[in-house]
């Protein structure tokens, strides 16, 4: 190389060195913030204990506590990424009847293990990753006397277990809501989420996933109209209490609240869509079964409801006939559209005391898109094409309801 070329060569090498340094810094930053991933979980029944093992890409800090009514072990972790097998937690073993997992709130994840009988954790530890094996968080669960379990059960001193309540516009708490400037506000509530997966299908399909995907499809469909403002109560895989779902709809000053579900019932032959509006008396046994499971969502997800009646401040307003009437009007417009798209169960307009329907000033319906306990419905719910068509059917019913409410408003003025 000539001497004339050396300066250029030196500059090139300096740039390469700088580039390597920058890339190393980026990699270090990326590594420092890389999410810890849960890759597998398993239960094993042994002679004297039941072992729960969670496999992770790295060791984590954690804490344990116990809750009663029903009896549960709550394993609290930093927010991690969940990549467990589809059917993880559906079936139990030994002292554990099953478990749920997911994001509980920003920065925090939970696993909730349901207990067949009172039990305690005799041994718990984390093994760091080594020799190509993942990190493992291990719990050895042993039988316990009921009195001992109840004595140990309770919330940690630093929290009640419930996510903090979001601020709510005072006007939304106090006044009936009217759409303004032609903007009709629709709140879409995708049921369950995070640590609460909801129902599951024979193939491992989770309710929380398919209803969120349908909610997103419905939002996209409605926004093509131009005169709807759409709010998703949840837009990711996060747990939201039933109380805060109602509060979100009211805080948004929604003109219509639609809760999407795809539940499971003991009779696997039940299939098809249905629409629920509010009643303190369930209309039939299927409605009663669904009401019990949906209203227990907060409890099974590890939320403390003691002294926390999420509807006590609004029950006095439930006598507002206008809200119930509008809910029923929309339900009747919705049913023919769903029937053409997916078919309906017998007596498809049903009634139940779902907590998410108890906003006194927001017309509200709960749509059962189908039943994951039925193989045909499960296959439909996992189809993006079917979800898009169903979203279009619901949107057509909303169009009709919007036109009717606009007509009513013009008549009153």
Protein backbone atom coordinates (compact mmCIF):
# COMPACT_ATOMS: atom_id res chain seq x y z
CA UNK A 1 0.00 0.00 0.00
CA UNK A 2 1.36 3.46 -0.85
CA UNK A 3 1.88 6.09 1.81
CA UNK A 4 -0.74 8.17 0.07
CA UNK A 5 -3.34 5.53 0.88
CA UNK A 6 -2.54 5.13 4.56
CA UNK A 7 -4.50 8.13 5.85
CA UNK A 8 -7.64 6.96 4.07
CA UNK A 9 -7.08 3.47 5.38
CA UNK A 10 -6.66 4.80 8.92
CA UNK A 11 -9.89 6.77 8.68
CA UNK A 12 -11.71 3.69 7.39
CA UNK A 13 -10.39 1.60 10.30
CA UNK A 14 -11.44 4.31 12.77
CA UNK A 15 -14.96 4.28 11.35
CA UNK A 16 -15.08 0.48 11.58
CA UNK A 17 -13.93 0.58 15.19
CA UNK A 18 -16.56 3.21 16.00
CA UNK A 19 -19.25 1.16 14.27
CA UNK A 20 -18.29 -1.98 16.21
CA UNK A 21 -18.40 0.00 19.46
CA UNK A 22 -21.83 1.42 18.65
CA UNK A 23 -23.20 -1.99 17.68
CA UNK A 24 -21.83 -3.50 20.86
CA UNK A 25 -23.53 -0.74 22.84
CA UNK A 26 -26.83 -1.33 21.08
CA UNK A 27 -26.55 -5.06 21.73
CA UNK A 28 -25.79 -4.41 25.38
CA UNK A 29 -28.76 -2.09 25.69
CA UNK A 30 -30.98 -4.61 23.89
CA UNK A 31 -29.73 -7.38 26.13
CA UNK A 32 -30.36 -5.32 29.26
CA UNK A 33 -33.97 -4.81 28.23
CA UNK A 34 -34.61 -8.20 26.67
CA UNK A 35 -37.84 -9.66 27.97
CA UNK A 36 -37.72 -12.77 30.08
CA UNK A 37 -39.81 -15.45 28.38
CA UNK A 38 -41.77 -18.26 30.03
CA UNK A 39 -41.37 -21.19 27.65
CA UNK A 40 -42.96 -24.14 29.46
CA UNK A 41 -44.74 -25.16 32.64
CA UNK A 42 -45.63 -28.52 34.12
CA UNK A 43 -47.21 -30.22 37.10
CA UNK A 44 -45.97 -33.48 38.57
CA UNK A 45 -47.68 -35.60 41.20
CA UNK A 46 -45.37 -37.25 43.73
CA UNK A 47 -45.97 -39.37 46.82
CA UNK A 48 -45.84 -36.49 49.29
CA UNK A 49 -46.14 -33.37 47.19
CA UNK A 50 -47.20 -31.84 43.87
CA UNK A 51 -44.40 -30.07 42.00
CA UNK A 52 -44.98 -27.07 39.75
CA UNK A 53 -42.14 -26.07 37.42
CA UNK A 54 -42.01 -22.93 35.28
CA UNK A 55 -39.25 -22.77 32.66
CA UNK A 56 -37.86 -19.33 31.84
CA UNK A 57 -35.12 -17.83 29.71
CA UNK A 58 -33.58 -16.30 32.84
CA UNK A 59 -33.97 -16.29 36.60
CA UNK A 60 -36.59 -13.94 38.08
CA UNK A 61 -37.58 -12.54 41.43
CA UNK A 62 -40.99 -13.65 42.66
CA UNK A 63 -43.27 -13.78 45.63
CA UNK A 64 -45.99 -16.15 46.81
CA UNK A 65 -49.20 -15.69 48.70
CA UNK A 66 -52.35 -17.70 49.36
CA UNK A 67 -56.01 -16.80 48.86
CA UNK A 68 -59.16 -18.52 50.05
CA UNK A 69 -62.72 -18.79 48.68
CA UNK A 70 -61.65 -20.43 46.40
CA UNK A 71 -58.32 -21.73 47.64
CA UNK A 72 -55.46 -20.55 45.44
CA UNK A 73 -51.73 -20.05 45.35
CA UNK A 74 -50.69 -16.82 43.63
CA UNK A 75 -47.21 -16.63 42.14
CA UNK A 76 -46.34 -13.04 41.31
CA UNK A 77 -43.56 -12.21 38.84
CA UNK A 78 -42.20 -9.24 36.94
CA UNK A 79 -43.90 -8.71 33.59
CA UNK A 80 -42.70 -11.50 31.33
CA UNK A 81 -43.52 -12.80 27.87
CA UNK A 82 -45.67 -15.93 27.81
CA UNK A 83 -44.95 -18.64 25.24
CA UNK A 84 -46.40 -21.65 27.01
CA UNK A 85 -48.02 -24.53 25.08
CA UNK A 86 -51.65 -23.83 24.09
CA UNK A 87 -53.23 -26.17 26.66
CA UNK A 88 -50.94 -25.26 29.57
CA UNK A 89 -52.86 -25.10 32.82
CA UNK A 90 -56.15 -26.50 31.58
CA UNK A 91 -55.68 -29.84 33.33
CA UNK A 92 -54.32 -30.24 36.83
CA UNK A 93 -52.42 -32.88 38.73
CA UNK A 94 -52.28 -33.85 42.38
CA UNK A 95 -53.19 -30.96 44.66
CA UNK A 96 -53.58 -28.50 41.75
CA UNK A 97 -56.71 -28.63 39.60
CA UNK A 98 -55.35 -26.19 37.03
CA UNK A 99 -53.68 -22.81 36.66
CA UNK A 100 -53.94 -19.53 34.77
CA UNK A 101 -51.20 -17.13 33.79
CA UNK A 102 -50.66 -13.80 32.10
CA UNK A 103 -50.15 -10.08 32.59
CA UNK A 104 -51.96 -8.79 35.63
CA UNK A 105 -51.05 -5.14 35.29
CA UNK A 106 -48.23 -3.17 33.67
CA UNK A 107 -44.94 -4.46 35.01
CA UNK A 108 -46.43 -7.47 36.75
CA UNK A 109 -47.44 -11.01 35.76
CA UNK A 110 -49.19 -13.70 37.75
CA UNK A 111 -49.77 -17.41 37.83
CA UNK A 112 -52.82 -18.47 39.82
CA UNK A 113 -52.90 -22.15 40.83
CA UNK A 114 -56.28 -23.56 41.86
CA UNK A 115 -56.10 -25.98 44.76
CA UNK A 116 -58.16 -29.15 45.12
CA UNK A 117 -57.73 -28.98 48.92
CA UNK A 118 -55.97 -26.59 51.31
CA UNK A 119 -52.23 -26.73 50.63
CA UNK A 120 -49.01 -24.86 51.31
CA UNK A 121 -45.70 -24.42 49.52
CA UNK A 122 -43.09 -26.44 51.41
CA UNK A 123 -40.16 -25.58 49.13
CA UNK A 124 -39.69 -22.91 46.47
CA UNK A 125 -36.57 -21.91 44.57
CA UNK A 126 -35.17 -20.72 41.24
CA UNK A 127 -32.47 -22.58 39.33
CA UNK A 128 -30.53 -20.32 36.93
CA UNK A 129 -30.04 -21.41 33.32
CA UNK A 130 -27.02 -23.66 32.84
CA UNK A 131 -25.62 -26.24 30.43
CA UNK A 132 -28.22 -25.38 27.81
CA UNK A 133 -31.11 -25.84 30.23
CA UNK A 134 -33.60 -23.03 30.95
CA UNK A 135 -34.01 -21.33 34.29
CA UNK A 136 -36.59 -23.13 36.42
CA UNK A 137 -38.87 -21.78 39.12
CA UNK A 138 -39.97 -24.69 41.30
CA UNK A 139 -42.75 -25.00 43.88
CA UNK A 140 -43.29 -28.13 45.98
CA UNK A 141 -46.88 -28.04 47.21
CA UNK A 142 -47.98 -30.16 50.18
CA UNK A 143 -51.35 -30.78 51.88
CA UNK A 144 -52.24 -28.45 54.73
CA UNK A 145 -54.75 -28.30 57.52
CA UNK A 146 -57.63 -25.99 56.63
CA UNK A 147 -57.13 -23.85 59.70
CA UNK A 148 -53.43 -23.42 58.91
CA UNK A 149 -54.20 -22.52 55.32
CA UNK A 150 -56.79 -19.91 56.31
CA UNK A 151 -54.36 -18.45 58.83
CA UNK A 152 -51.75 -18.04 56.08
CA UNK A 153 -54.16 -16.79 53.40
CA UNK A 154 -54.49 -13.11 52.68
CA UNK A 155 -53.14 -10.22 50.67
CA UNK A 156 -49.62 -8.88 51.04
CA UNK A 157 -49.50 -5.73 53.13
CA UNK A 158 -48.52 -3.54 50.19
CA UNK A 159 -51.59 -4.14 48.04
CA UNK A 160 -55.21 -5.23 47.96
CA UNK A 161 -54.73 -7.25 44.80
CA UNK A 162 -56.89 -5.12 42.58
CA UNK A 163 -55.32 -2.95 39.87
CA UNK A 164 -55.47 0.78 40.67
CA UNK A 165 -58.62 2.46 39.47
CA UNK A 166 -58.18 4.74 36.46
CA UNK A 167 -59.34 8.34 36.81
CA UNK A 168 -62.91 8.80 35.66
CA UNK A 169 -64.44 11.98 34.37
CA UNK A 170 -66.80 13.20 37.08
CA UNK A 171 -69.37 14.14 34.46
CA UNK A 172 -69.36 10.58 33.18
CA UNK A 173 -70.22 9.39 36.69
CA UNK A 174 -73.07 11.81 37.16
CA UNK A 175 -74.82 12.63 33.91
CA UNK A 176 -76.56 10.72 31.11
CA UNK A 177 -74.47 10.58 27.96
CA UNK A 178 -75.49 11.96 24.59
CA UNK A 179 -73.49 11.77 21.39
CA UNK A 180 -72.27 15.13 20.11
CA UNK A 181 -71.52 16.50 16.66
CA UNK A 182 -72.66 13.30 15.04
CA UNK A 183 -69.96 11.24 16.76
CA UNK A 184 -71.48 8.07 18.11
CA UNK A 185 -69.16 6.49 20.67
CA UNK A 186 -68.95 2.71 20.90
CA UNK A 187 -67.01 0.89 23.60
CA UNK A 188 -66.02 -2.66 22.66
CA UNK A 189 -65.10 -4.90 25.56
CA UNK A 190 -63.09 -8.01 24.69
CA UNK A 191 -63.79 -10.33 27.60
CA UNK A 192 -61.11 -11.73 29.91
CA UNK A 193 -57.40 -11.13 29.25
CA UNK A 194 -54.02 -11.52 30.88
CA UNK A 195 -54.09 -13.86 33.84
CA UNK A 196 -57.77 -14.60 33.11
CA UNK A 197 -57.89 -16.65 29.87
CA UNK A 198 -61.64 -17.28 29.97
CA UNK A 199 -62.95 -20.42 28.34
CA UNK A 200 -60.85 -22.84 26.31
CA UNK A 201 -61.72 -25.13 23.42
CA UNK A 202 -60.89 -28.79 22.75
CA UNK A 203 -57.96 -27.65 20.59
CA UNK A 204 -56.64 -25.27 23.23
CA UNK A 205 -58.15 -22.08 21.79
CA UNK A 206 -58.42 -19.39 24.47
CA UNK A 207 -61.44 -17.13 24.71
CA UNK A 208 -59.34 -14.06 25.56
CA UNK A 209 -57.49 -14.35 22.23
CA UNK A 210 -60.39 -14.84 19.82
CA UNK A 211 -62.59 -12.15 21.37
CA UNK A 212 -59.76 -9.60 21.23
CA UNK A 213 -59.17 -10.45 17.58
CA UNK A 214 -62.91 -10.04 16.90
CA UNK A 215 -62.96 -6.72 18.79
CA UNK A 216 -60.11 -5.44 16.64
CA UNK A 217 -61.93 -6.57 13.49
CA UNK A 218 -65.12 -4.82 14.64
CA UNK A 219 -63.24 -1.61 15.42
CA UNK A 220 -61.65 -1.62 11.96
CA UNK A 221 -65.03 -2.26 10.32
CA UNK A 222 -66.78 0.54 12.22
CA UNK A 223 -64.07 3.08 11.56
CA UNK A 224 -64.71 2.79 7.83
CA UNK A 225 -68.08 4.48 8.43
CA UNK A 226 -66.62 7.82 9.47
CA UNK A 227 -69.24 8.74 12.09
CA UNK A 228 -68.29 6.28 14.84
CA UNK A 229 -65.69 6.79 17.51
CA UNK A 230 -64.55 3.37 18.75
CA UNK A 231 -62.88 2.63 22.07
CA UNK A 232 -61.40 -0.78 22.90
CA UNK A 233 -61.69 -1.48 26.61
CA UNK A 234 -58.56 -3.60 26.24
CA UNK A 235 -56.29 -3.63 23.21
CA UNK A 236 -53.76 -6.19 24.42
CA UNK A 237 -53.47 -9.28 26.59
CA UNK A 238 -53.97 -7.50 29.91
CA UNK A 239 -56.28 -8.32 32.81
CA UNK A 240 -59.01 -5.73 33.55
CA UNK A 241 -61.45 -6.06 36.43
CA UNK A 242 -65.18 -6.17 35.72
CA UNK A 243 -65.59 -2.91 37.59
CA UNK A 244 -63.03 -1.15 35.43
CA UNK A 245 -64.63 -2.43 32.24
CA UNK A 246 -67.84 -0.68 33.22
CA UNK A 247 -65.89 2.41 34.27
CA UNK A 248 -64.03 2.48 30.95
CA UNK A 249 -67.29 2.57 29.00
CA UNK A 250 -68.68 5.36 31.14
CA UNK A 251 -65.43 7.34 31.14
CA UNK A 252 -65.46 7.21 27.32
CA UNK A 253 -69.03 8.58 27.41
CA UNK A 254 -70.05 5.66 25.24
CA UNK A 255 -73.42 5.58 23.52
CA UNK A 256 -73.22 1.79 23.25
CA UNK A 257 -71.22 -0.85 25.14
CA UNK A 258 -70.62 -4.23 23.51
CA UNK A 259 -68.96 -7.04 25.47
CA UNK A 260 -67.66 -9.91 23.32
CA UNK A 261 -67.36 -13.45 24.67
CA UNK A 262 -67.01 -17.03 23.49
CA UNK A 263 -67.73 -19.11 26.51
CA UNK A 264 -67.85 -22.76 27.37
CA UNK A 265 -70.68 -24.73 28.94
CA UNK A 266 -70.95 -28.29 30.17
CA UNK A 267 -73.15 -29.33 27.22
CA UNK A 268 -70.83 -29.60 24.20
CA UNK A 269 -73.78 -29.68 21.79
CA UNK A 270 -74.71 -26.05 22.55
CA UNK A 271 -73.58 -23.89 19.66
CA UNK A 272 -74.40 -20.65 17.89
CA UNK A 273 -74.53 -17.01 18.89
CA UNK A 274 -76.70 -15.31 21.48
CA UNK A 275 -77.18 -11.82 22.89
CA UNK A 276 -77.63 -10.97 26.55
CA UNK A 277 -79.13 -7.91 28.14
CA UNK A 278 -79.29 -7.14 31.82
CA UNK A 279 -81.63 -8.81 34.26
CA UNK A 280 -81.15 -9.72 37.90
CA UNK A 281 -82.86 -13.03 37.12
CA UNK A 282 -81.20 -15.39 34.63
CA UNK A 283 -83.55 -16.47 31.86
CA UNK A 284 -82.52 -20.16 31.81
CA UNK A 285 -79.96 -22.66 33.07
CA UNK A 286 -77.39 -21.87 30.36
CA UNK A 287 -77.66 -18.16 31.16
CA UNK A 288 -77.27 -18.92 34.86
CA UNK A 289 -74.17 -21.05 34.24
CA UNK A 290 -72.56 -18.33 32.13
CA UNK A 291 -73.47 -15.65 34.64
CA UNK A 292 -71.75 -17.55 37.44
CA UNK A 293 -68.57 -18.10 35.44
CA UNK A 294 -68.32 -14.57 34.03
CA UNK A 295 -69.04 -12.83 37.32
CA UNK A 296 -66.35 -14.95 39.01
CA UNK A 297 -63.66 -13.71 36.62
CA UNK A 298 -62.20 -11.27 39.15
CA UNK A 299 -62.09 -13.86 41.91
CA UNK A 300 -60.33 -16.59 39.98
CA UNK A 301 -57.79 -14.11 38.65
CA UNK A 302 -56.57 -13.19 42.10
CA UNK A 303 -58.41 -9.94 42.77
CA UNK A 304 -59.50 -9.00 46.26
CA UNK A 305 -63.19 -8.11 46.24
CA UNK A 306 -63.66 -7.79 50.00
CA UNK A 307 -65.47 -4.56 50.73
CA UNK A 308 -65.38 -3.72 47.05
CA UNK A 309 -68.85 -3.83 45.53
CA UNK A 310 -68.08 -2.55 42.07
CA UNK A 311 -71.69 -1.77 41.28
CA UNK A 312 -72.93 -0.50 44.63
CA UNK A 313 -72.64 3.13 43.55
CA UNK A 314 -74.72 2.62 40.43
CA UNK A 315 -77.31 -0.02 41.33
CA UNK A 316 -79.67 2.70 42.47
CA UNK A 317 -79.84 3.89 38.87
CA UNK A 318 -80.65 0.53 37.34
CA UNK A 319 -84.31 1.42 37.28
CA UNK A 320 -83.62 3.75 34.37
CA UNK A 321 -85.93 2.28 31.83
CA UNK A 322 -84.50 4.17 28.89
CA UNK A 323 -81.12 2.45 29.12
CA UNK A 324 -82.64 -1.02 29.35
CA UNK A 325 -85.05 -0.27 26.54
CA UNK A 326 -82.24 0.87 24.26
CA UNK A 327 -80.21 -2.22 25.12
CA UNK A 328 -83.14 -4.41 24.11
CA UNK A 329 -83.72 -2.43 20.91
CA UNK A 330 -80.13 -2.99 19.84
CA UNK A 331 -80.29 -6.69 20.80
CA UNK A 332 -83.33 -7.16 18.56
CA UNK A 333 -81.55 -5.47 15.65
CA UNK A 334 -78.43 -7.53 16.22
CA UNK A 335 -80.01 -10.98 16.30
CA UNK A 336 -81.10 -11.18 12.62
CA UNK A 337 -77.63 -10.11 11.48
CA UNK A 338 -75.94 -12.75 13.64
CA UNK A 339 -78.44 -15.37 12.51
CA UNK A 340 -77.55 -14.79 8.86
CA UNK A 341 -73.84 -14.95 9.65
CA UNK A 342 -73.42 -17.74 12.17
CA UNK A 343 -76.74 -19.10 13.39
CA UNK A 344 -78.29 -18.67 16.82
CA UNK A 345 -78.98 -20.83 19.82
CA UNK A 346 -82.58 -21.43 20.84
CA UNK A 347 -84.15 -18.38 22.49
CA UNK A 348 -81.18 -16.26 21.44
CA UNK A 349 -82.13 -13.10 23.35
CA UNK A 350 -81.32 -14.04 26.92
CA UNK A 351 -81.03 -12.27 30.22
CA UNK A 352 -78.50 -12.44 33.04
CA UNK A 353 -76.94 -10.32 35.75
CA UNK A 354 -73.56 -9.85 34.09
CA UNK A 355 -71.61 -7.19 35.94
CA UNK A 356 -70.25 -5.68 32.74
CA UNK A 357 -73.79 -4.73 31.70
CA UNK A 358 -74.56 -2.70 34.82
CA UNK A 359 -73.73 0.81 33.70
CA UNK A 360 -76.99 2.69 34.32
CA UNK A 361 -76.55 5.23 31.53
CA UNK A 362 -74.93 3.23 28.72
CA UNK A 363 -77.02 0.77 26.67
CA UNK A 364 -75.09 -2.49 26.93
CA UNK A 365 -75.18 -5.98 25.47
CA UNK A 366 -73.04 -9.07 25.86
CA UNK A 367 -72.59 -11.11 22.69
CA UNK A 368 -71.77 -14.78 22.90
CA UNK A 369 -70.09 -15.25 19.53
CA UNK A 370 -70.21 -19.01 19.96
CA UNK A 371 -69.14 -21.72 22.36
CA UNK A 372 -65.58 -22.97 22.52
CA UNK A 373 -66.93 -26.14 24.11
CA UNK A 374 -68.40 -26.94 20.68
CA UNK A 375 -65.91 -28.09 18.02
CA UNK A 376 -67.72 -26.36 15.14
CA UNK A 377 -67.90 -23.03 16.92
CA UNK A 378 -64.26 -23.31 17.96
CA UNK A 379 -63.20 -23.79 14.34
CA UNK A 380 -65.21 -20.72 13.29
CA UNK A 381 -63.83 -18.52 16.04
CA UNK A 382 -60.26 -19.28 15.01
CA UNK A 383 -60.92 -18.25 11.40
CA UNK A 384 -59.90 -14.64 10.55
CA UNK A 385 -62.36 -14.67 7.63
CA UNK A 386 -65.23 -15.70 9.91
CA UNK A 387 -64.32 -13.06 12.48
CA UNK A 388 -64.25 -10.37 9.80
CA UNK A 389 -67.67 -11.44 8.48
CA UNK A 390 -69.09 -11.51 11.99
CA UNK A 391 -67.67 -8.05 12.68
CA UNK A 392 -69.39 -6.81 9.53
CA UNK A 393 -72.70 -8.32 10.69
CA UNK A 394 -72.43 -6.61 14.09
CA UNK A 395 -71.51 -3.35 12.36
CA UNK A 396 -74.65 -3.51 10.21
CA UNK A 397 -76.75 -3.82 13.35
CA UNK A 398 -74.94 -0.83 14.85
CA UNK A 399 -75.68 1.15 11.68
CA UNK A 400 -79.37 0.42 12.12
CA UNK A 401 -79.30 1.30 15.81
CA UNK A 402 -77.45 4.54 15.10
CA UNK A 403 -80.04 5.55 12.49
CA UNK A 404 -82.88 4.76 14.88
CA UNK A 405 -81.35 6.72 17.75
CA UNK A 406 -80.67 9.67 15.43
CA UNK A 407 -84.32 9.58 14.37
CA UNK A 408 -85.45 9.54 17.99
CA UNK A 409 -83.20 12.51 18.77
CA UNK A 410 -84.62 14.50 15.82
CA UNK A 411 -88.18 13.73 16.93
CA UNK A 412 -87.47 14.92 20.47
CA UNK A 413 -85.94 18.15 19.18
